[in-house]
Amino acid sequence: MRPSPTAEQEPPPPSRRHHFRRQPRPGRVVPVRYAIVDGAIGARGPLVEASTLNIGVGGAFICTDDPPPPGTALWVVLQLPAERARGAATIEIKADVRWIADGDDDEEHGMGVRFTGLGDEALALLNDWFASLTPTLDHDEPG
């Protein structure tokens, strides 16, 4: 049984925390545009240019000086590089802001977003792209 957390052990509140990766993973910095979505009517605001610090199939950390508050619905447009996987690809994804980093102590300002509308084709494109970033070992070659 785990002991109950003390004040020193409690995690930061979900609306403001530090990104758990201190350095970006190689190749995971990609251009991105995002727009705030008005959930009541589904209207999108203007697109904001940014970039990811890290990205996975579940979400991303998007670098931006003015992140919207946690809970904000977003429309995210990713531009995967042409030299990777199946060539250049644009992926449009629904997402929501989970937490922000905009304090004086934060190395990077931005927001952690969770993808909420990742379709099968977009998932395949992302997985192909991630696989192209990972060096592979050819087991047939003598070691």
Protein backbone atom coordinates (compact mmCIF):
# COMPACT_ATOMS: atom_id res chain seq x y z
CA MET A 1 0.00 0.00 0.00
CA ARG A 2 1.35 3.43 -0.90
CA PRO A 3 1.64 6.01 1.85
CA SER A 4 -0.57 9.05 1.49
CA PRO A 5 1.30 12.00 -0.03
CA THR A 6 2.68 14.73 2.16
CA ALA A 7 2.77 18.40 1.20
CA GLU A 8 6.29 17.92 -0.20
CA GLN A 9 5.22 14.96 -2.36
CA GLU A 10 2.03 16.33 -3.87
CA PRO A 11 2.13 16.81 -7.64
CA PRO A 12 1.65 20.30 -9.06
CA PRO A 13 -1.93 21.27 -9.85
CA PRO A 14 -3.05 20.02 -13.28
CA SER A 15 -3.43 23.55 -14.66
CA ARG A 16 0.22 24.45 -14.18
CA ARG A 17 3.11 22.03 -14.15
CA HIS A 18 6.51 21.57 -15.67
CA HIS A 19 6.89 19.43 -18.74
CA PHE A 20 8.38 16.12 -17.66
CA ARG A 21 10.87 16.13 -20.54
CA ARG A 22 13.55 18.71 -19.92
CA GLN A 23 14.88 18.55 -23.48
CA PRO A 24 12.97 18.04 -26.72
CA ARG A 25 13.25 14.61 -28.27
CA PRO A 26 15.19 14.70 -31.55
CA GLY A 27 12.94 15.30 -34.54
CA ARG A 28 9.85 16.00 -32.45
CA VAL A 29 9.90 19.75 -33.07
CA VAL A 30 7.43 20.45 -35.88
CA PRO A 31 5.54 23.51 -37.11
CA VAL A 32 2.01 23.71 -35.82
CA ARG A 33 -0.92 26.07 -36.08
CA TYR A 34 -3.77 26.09 -33.63
CA ALA A 35 -7.07 27.87 -33.15
CA ILE A 36 -9.31 28.14 -30.13
CA VAL A 37 -12.68 26.50 -30.72
CA ASP A 38 -15.85 27.89 -29.20
CA GLY A 39 -17.43 24.70 -27.91
CA ALA A 40 -20.96 26.10 -27.89
CA ILE A 41 -21.06 26.90 -31.59
CA GLY A 42 -17.95 25.13 -32.90
CA ALA A 43 -16.52 28.31 -34.41
CA ARG A 44 -12.74 28.56 -34.71
CA GLY A 45 -10.72 31.62 -33.88
CA PRO A 46 -7.70 32.81 -35.87
CA LEU A 47 -4.84 30.39 -36.43
CA VAL A 48 -1.75 30.94 -34.27
CA GLU A 49 1.68 29.87 -35.56
CA ALA A 50 3.75 27.82 -33.09
CA SER A 51 5.88 24.68 -32.85
CA THR A 52 5.90 21.54 -30.79
CA LEU A 53 8.60 20.80 -28.25
CA ASN A 54 7.53 17.17 -28.04
CA ILE A 55 4.74 15.22 -29.66
CA GLY A 56 3.24 11.76 -29.36
CA VAL A 57 0.04 10.10 -30.52
CA GLY A 58 -1.71 11.18 -27.32
CA GLY A 59 -0.77 14.85 -27.40
CA ALA A 60 1.98 17.44 -27.56
CA PHE A 61 3.67 20.31 -25.81
CA ILE A 62 3.13 23.37 -27.99
CA CYS A 63 5.46 26.33 -27.45
CA THR A 64 3.57 29.62 -27.33
CA ASP A 65 3.96 32.82 -25.33
CA ASP A 66 0.23 33.14 -24.67
CA PRO A 67 -1.30 29.71 -23.98
CA PRO A 68 -5.05 29.57 -23.48
CA PRO A 69 -6.30 28.27 -20.11
CA PRO A 70 -6.65 24.56 -19.31
CA GLY A 71 -9.88 23.10 -20.63
CA THR A 72 -9.84 25.19 -23.81
CA ALA A 73 -10.83 23.27 -26.94
CA LEU A 74 -8.39 23.61 -29.86
CA TRP A 75 -8.12 22.79 -33.55
CA VAL A 76 -4.49 21.80 -34.21
CA VAL A 77 -2.86 21.61 -37.63
CA LEU A 78 0.45 19.70 -37.73
CA GLN A 79 2.85 19.93 -40.66
CA LEU A 80 5.06 16.83 -40.70
CA PRO A 81 8.40 17.29 -42.48
CA ALA A 82 8.70 16.17 -46.11
CA GLU A 83 11.87 14.15 -45.59
CA ARG A 84 10.22 11.75 -43.13
CA ALA A 85 7.97 8.73 -43.55
CA ARG A 86 5.47 9.13 -46.43
CA GLY A 87 6.57 12.65 -47.28
CA ALA A 88 5.02 15.91 -46.19
CA ALA A 89 1.69 15.56 -44.48
CA THR A 90 -0.74 17.95 -42.89
CA ILE A 91 -2.76 16.52 -40.03
CA GLU A 92 -5.74 18.29 -38.47
CA ILE A 93 -6.62 17.20 -34.94
CA LYS A 94 -9.08 18.22 -32.24
CA ALA A 95 -7.36 18.77 -28.90
CA ASP A 96 -7.84 20.29 -25.48
CA VAL A 97 -5.44 22.19 -23.25
CA ARG A 98 -4.54 20.07 -20.22
CA TRP A 99 -1.97 22.36 -18.55
CA ILE A 100 0.07 25.47 -19.21
CA ALA A 101 3.62 26.65 -18.53
CA ASP A 102 3.85 30.43 -18.54
CA GLY A 103 5.59 31.34 -15.30
CA ASP A 104 8.91 33.07 -14.78
CA ASP A 105 10.49 29.75 -13.74
CA ASP A 106 9.34 27.87 -16.84
CA GLU A 107 12.11 27.24 -19.38
CA GLU A 108 9.61 27.03 -22.23
CA HIS A 109 6.27 28.77 -22.32
CA GLY A 110 3.43 26.83 -23.82
CA MET A 111 0.75 24.27 -23.21
CA GLY A 112 0.34 20.55 -22.88
CA VAL A 113 -2.49 19.41 -25.14
CA ARG A 114 -4.32 16.12 -25.39
CA PHE A 115 -5.47 15.00 -28.83
CA THR A 116 -9.16 14.10 -28.75
CA GLY A 117 -9.97 13.52 -32.39
CA LEU A 118 -7.13 11.50 -33.91
CA GLY A 119 -8.49 9.39 -36.78
CA ASP A 120 -7.01 6.15 -38.10
CA GLU A 121 -5.27 7.80 -41.07
CA ALA A 122 -3.71 10.51 -38.90
CA LEU A 123 -2.62 7.90 -36.36
CA ALA A 124 -0.95 5.86 -39.13
CA LEU A 125 0.84 8.96 -40.47
CA LEU A 126 2.11 9.90 -37.01
CA ASN A 127 3.24 6.35 -36.24
CA ASP A 128 5.08 6.13 -39.58
CA TRP A 129 6.74 9.46 -38.87
CA PHE A 130 7.76 8.45 -35.32
CA ALA A 131 9.19 5.19 -36.66
CA SER A 132 11.30 7.15 -39.14
CA LEU A 133 12.87 9.06 -36.24
CA THR A 134 13.94 5.94 -34.34
CA PRO A 135 17.23 4.37 -35.42
CA THR A 136 16.84 0.68 -36.10
CA LEU A 137 19.36 -2.12 -35.69
CA ASP A 138 19.71 -4.49 -38.63
CA HIS A 139 20.07 -7.84 -36.92
CA ASP A 140 21.41 -9.45 -40.10
CA GLU A 141 24.58 -7.40 -40.02
CA PRO A 142 27.55 -8.85 -38.13
CA GLY A 143 28.10 -7.07 -34.79
